[in-house]
Amino acid sequence: MSDLISIDNTKINNPQLIYENLYKGACVKIKNSNKTFQVIGINPLNKMCWIREWPIAYADKKTFALNISQITIQVFCSSDFSE
């Protein structure tokens, strides 16, 4: 699977760009999952981030730490909660 980032509808195949352009609130896809997740925290020193499923599942409220290298693509956070 290639590492892609979507910036202004342009996809870039570069894991370093994913790391450099990652921000709190960004939506991402991760390895071994078809779900969308939202970044809620970033530790650039350890290249770790904390994510939660998007759209937010208020019943679960589960967040977990993830190595940034596990992010495969940065995507648009859809406000369409029916997906």
N, C-alpha and C. Protein backbone atom coordinates (compact mmCIF):
# COMPACT_ATOMS: atom_id res chain seq x y z
N MET A 1 0.85 -1.17 0.00
CA MET A 1 0.00 0.00 0.00
C MET A 1 0.90 1.23 0.00
N SER A 2 0.59 2.20 -0.82
CA SER A 2 1.42 3.39 -0.89
C SER A 2 1.01 4.39 0.18
N ASP A 3 1.96 5.20 0.62
CA ASP A 3 1.68 6.23 1.60
C ASP A 3 1.31 7.50 0.85
N LEU A 4 0.09 7.98 1.06
CA LEU A 4 -0.42 9.13 0.33
C LEU A 4 -0.90 10.19 1.30
N ILE A 5 -0.84 11.43 0.86
CA ILE A 5 -1.45 12.53 1.61
C ILE A 5 -2.26 13.34 0.62
N SER A 6 -3.43 13.75 1.00
CA SER A 6 -4.28 14.52 0.11
C SER A 6 -4.26 15.98 0.56
N ILE A 7 -3.63 16.82 -0.24
CA ILE A 7 -3.56 18.24 0.05
C ILE A 7 -4.16 18.97 -1.12
N ASP A 8 -5.24 19.73 -0.88
CA ASP A 8 -5.93 20.44 -1.96
C ASP A 8 -6.23 19.52 -3.13
N ASN A 9 -6.77 18.33 -2.81
CA ASN A 9 -7.16 17.31 -3.79
C ASN A 9 -5.98 16.75 -4.57
N THR A 10 -4.74 16.97 -4.12
CA THR A 10 -3.56 16.38 -4.75
C THR A 10 -3.03 15.30 -3.82
N LYS A 11 -2.79 14.11 -4.35
CA LYS A 11 -2.26 13.03 -3.53
C LYS A 11 -0.76 12.92 -3.75
N ILE A 12 -0.03 12.87 -2.65
CA ILE A 12 1.43 12.83 -2.70
C ILE A 12 1.89 11.55 -2.05
N ASN A 13 2.75 10.80 -2.73
CA ASN A 13 3.24 9.52 -2.24
C ASN A 13 4.56 9.76 -1.50
N ASN A 14 4.47 10.22 -0.24
CA ASN A 14 5.66 10.52 0.52
C ASN A 14 5.34 10.49 2.02
N PRO A 15 5.81 9.47 2.74
CA PRO A 15 5.50 9.37 4.18
C PRO A 15 6.03 10.56 4.98
N GLN A 16 7.14 11.15 4.56
CA GLN A 16 7.68 12.31 5.28
C GLN A 16 6.72 13.50 5.18
N LEU A 17 6.05 13.66 4.04
CA LEU A 17 5.08 14.74 3.90
C LEU A 17 3.87 14.53 4.80
N ILE A 18 3.47 13.28 4.99
CA ILE A 18 2.37 13.00 5.91
C ILE A 18 2.76 13.50 7.30
N TYR A 19 3.97 13.16 7.73
CA TYR A 19 4.46 13.57 9.05
C TYR A 19 4.54 15.10 9.15
N GLU A 20 5.09 15.74 8.14
CA GLU A 20 5.29 17.19 8.16
C GLU A 20 3.98 17.96 8.10
N ASN A 21 2.95 17.40 7.47
CA ASN A 21 1.68 18.11 7.29
C ASN A 21 0.59 17.66 8.24
N LEU A 22 0.90 16.73 9.14
CA LEU A 22 -0.09 16.24 10.09
C LEU A 22 -0.40 17.33 11.12
N TYR A 23 -1.65 17.49 11.44
CA TYR A 23 -2.05 18.51 12.42
C TYR A 23 -3.21 17.99 13.25
N LYS A 24 -3.37 18.60 14.42
CA LYS A 24 -4.47 18.25 15.32
C LYS A 24 -5.78 18.60 14.63
N GLY A 25 -6.68 17.62 14.53
CA GLY A 25 -7.95 17.81 13.85
C GLY A 25 -7.99 17.17 12.47
N ALA A 26 -6.83 16.78 11.94
CA ALA A 26 -6.77 16.15 10.62
C ALA A 26 -7.46 14.79 10.65
N CYS A 27 -8.06 14.42 9.55
CA CYS A 27 -8.63 13.08 9.41
C CYS A 27 -7.67 12.24 8.60
N VAL A 28 -7.53 10.98 9.00
CA VAL A 28 -6.55 10.10 8.38
C VAL A 28 -7.11 8.69 8.23
N LYS A 29 -6.48 7.94 7.37
CA LYS A 29 -6.70 6.50 7.26
C LYS A 29 -5.43 5.85 7.80
N ILE A 30 -5.58 4.66 8.40
CA ILE A 30 -4.43 3.97 8.97
C ILE A 30 -4.31 2.56 8.39
N LYS A 31 -3.14 2.00 8.53
CA LYS A 31 -2.89 0.64 8.05
C LYS A 31 -3.85 -0.34 8.72
N ASN A 32 -4.28 -1.33 7.98
CA ASN A 32 -5.14 -2.42 8.47
C ASN A 32 -6.52 -1.97 8.92
N SER A 33 -7.03 -0.86 8.37
CA SER A 33 -8.38 -0.40 8.70
C SER A 33 -8.95 0.38 7.54
N ASN A 34 -10.25 0.24 7.31
CA ASN A 34 -10.94 1.03 6.29
C ASN A 34 -11.64 2.24 6.89
N LYS A 35 -11.58 2.38 8.20
CA LYS A 35 -12.25 3.48 8.88
C LYS A 35 -11.45 4.78 8.76
N THR A 36 -12.13 5.89 9.04
CA THR A 36 -11.49 7.20 9.09
C THR A 36 -11.31 7.56 10.55
N PHE A 37 -10.17 8.17 10.88
CA PHE A 37 -9.85 8.57 12.24
C PHE A 37 -9.46 10.04 12.26
N GLN A 38 -9.65 10.68 13.42
CA GLN A 38 -9.27 12.08 13.58
C GLN A 38 -8.11 12.17 14.56
N VAL A 39 -7.10 12.96 14.20
CA VAL A 39 -5.95 13.18 15.07
C VAL A 39 -6.37 14.15 16.17
N ILE A 40 -6.16 13.77 17.43
CA ILE A 40 -6.52 14.65 18.53
C ILE A 40 -5.30 15.11 19.32
N GLY A 41 -4.14 14.56 19.02
CA GLY A 41 -2.90 14.98 19.67
C GLY A 41 -1.71 14.45 18.92
N ILE A 42 -0.59 15.17 19.00
CA ILE A 42 0.63 14.77 18.30
C ILE A 42 1.82 14.96 19.22
N ASN A 43 2.70 13.95 19.28
CA ASN A 43 3.97 14.06 19.98
C ASN A 43 5.06 13.94 18.92
N PRO A 44 5.55 15.08 18.40
CA PRO A 44 6.53 15.03 17.32
C PRO A 44 7.87 14.43 17.74
N LEU A 45 8.21 14.51 19.03
CA LEU A 45 9.47 13.94 19.50
C LEU A 45 9.51 12.44 19.30
N ASN A 46 8.40 11.76 19.62
CA ASN A 46 8.32 10.31 19.50
C ASN A 46 7.63 9.85 18.22
N LYS A 47 7.22 10.81 17.38
CA LYS A 47 6.48 10.51 16.14
C LYS A 47 5.25 9.66 16.44
N MET A 48 4.52 10.05 17.49
CA MET A 48 3.30 9.38 17.89
C MET A 48 2.15 10.37 17.79
N CYS A 49 0.94 9.83 17.61
CA CYS A 49 -0.24 10.68 17.66
C CYS A 49 -1.35 9.91 18.37
N TRP A 50 -2.35 10.64 18.78
CA TRP A 50 -3.53 10.04 19.41
C TRP A 50 -4.70 10.29 18.47
N ILE A 51 -5.46 9.25 18.22
CA ILE A 51 -6.56 9.35 17.26
C ILE A 51 -7.84 8.78 17.84
N ARG A 52 -8.95 9.15 17.21
CA ARG A 52 -10.27 8.60 17.55
C ARG A 52 -11.02 8.39 16.24
N GLU A 53 -11.98 7.50 16.28
CA GLU A 53 -12.75 7.22 15.08
C GLU A 53 -13.56 8.44 14.66
N TRP A 54 -13.66 8.66 13.36
CA TRP A 54 -14.43 9.77 12.79
C TRP A 54 -15.52 9.19 11.90
N PRO A 55 -16.74 9.63 11.94
CA PRO A 55 -17.22 10.66 12.85
C PRO A 55 -17.19 10.18 14.29
N ILE A 56 -17.18 11.12 15.19
CA ILE A 56 -17.04 10.81 16.61
C ILE A 56 -18.19 9.93 17.08
N ALA A 57 -17.83 8.81 17.69
CA ALA A 57 -18.82 7.90 18.25
C ALA A 57 -18.95 8.25 19.73
N TYR A 58 -19.93 9.06 20.06
CA TYR A 58 -20.07 9.54 21.44
C TYR A 58 -20.27 8.41 22.43
N ALA A 59 -20.82 7.32 21.99
CA ALA A 59 -21.03 6.20 22.90
C ALA A 59 -19.71 5.53 23.29
N ASP A 60 -18.75 5.53 22.36
CA ASP A 60 -17.47 4.85 22.62
C ASP A 60 -16.40 5.77 23.19
N LYS A 61 -16.18 6.92 22.57
CA LYS A 61 -15.16 7.89 23.00
C LYS A 61 -13.80 7.23 23.16
N LYS A 62 -13.46 6.26 22.32
CA LYS A 62 -12.18 5.57 22.43
C LYS A 62 -11.11 6.33 21.66
N THR A 63 -10.01 6.59 22.33
CA THR A 63 -8.84 7.16 21.67
C THR A 63 -7.68 6.20 21.89
N PHE A 64 -6.72 6.24 20.98
CA PHE A 64 -5.55 5.39 21.17
C PHE A 64 -4.34 6.02 20.51
N ALA A 65 -3.17 5.65 21.03
CA ALA A 65 -1.90 6.15 20.51
C ALA A 65 -1.51 5.32 19.30
N LEU A 66 -0.85 5.98 18.36
CA LEU A 66 -0.45 5.33 17.11
C LEU A 66 0.83 5.95 16.61
N ASN A 67 1.75 5.13 16.13
CA ASN A 67 2.95 5.66 15.51
C ASN A 67 2.54 6.32 14.19
N ILE A 68 3.04 7.50 13.94
CA ILE A 68 2.67 8.25 12.75
C ILE A 68 2.96 7.47 11.47
N SER A 69 3.93 6.56 11.52
CA SER A 69 4.25 5.76 10.33
C SER A 69 3.10 4.82 9.94
N GLN A 70 2.12 4.63 10.85
CA GLN A 70 0.98 3.77 10.55
C GLN A 70 -0.12 4.49 9.77
N ILE A 71 0.04 5.80 9.58
CA ILE A 71 -0.93 6.57 8.81
C ILE A 71 -0.63 6.37 7.33
N THR A 72 -1.67 6.04 6.57
CA THR A 72 -1.47 5.77 5.15
C THR A 72 -1.90 6.93 4.26
N ILE A 73 -2.86 7.74 4.73
CA ILE A 73 -3.34 8.85 3.91
C ILE A 73 -4.04 9.87 4.81
N GLN A 74 -3.88 11.14 4.49
CA GLN A 74 -4.61 12.19 5.18
C GLN A 74 -5.78 12.55 4.28
N VAL A 75 -6.99 12.61 4.84
CA VAL A 75 -8.20 12.80 4.05
C VAL A 75 -9.03 13.97 4.59
N PHE A 76 -10.01 14.38 3.80
CA PHE A 76 -10.94 15.43 4.20
C PHE A 76 -11.88 14.88 5.26
N CYS A 77 -12.10 15.64 6.31
CA CYS A 77 -13.04 15.24 7.37
C CYS A 77 -14.46 15.58 6.89
N SER A 78 -15.17 14.59 6.50
CA SER A 78 -16.53 14.78 6.01
C SER A 78 -17.46 15.11 7.15
N SER A 79 -18.37 16.05 6.92
CA SER A 79 -19.39 16.34 7.93
C SER A 79 -20.63 15.52 7.69
N ASP A 80 -20.56 14.63 6.68
CA ASP A 80 -21.68 13.74 6.37
C ASP A 80 -21.59 12.54 7.29
N PHE A 81 -22.39 12.50 8.35
CA PHE A 81 -22.30 11.46 9.35
C PHE A 81 -22.99 10.16 8.95
N SER A 82 -23.45 10.09 7.71
CA SER A 82 -24.12 8.87 7.27
C SER A 82 -23.16 7.90 6.59
N GLU A 83 -21.88 8.26 6.47
CA GLU A 83 -20.93 7.38 5.78
C GLU A 83 -20.53 6.20 6.59
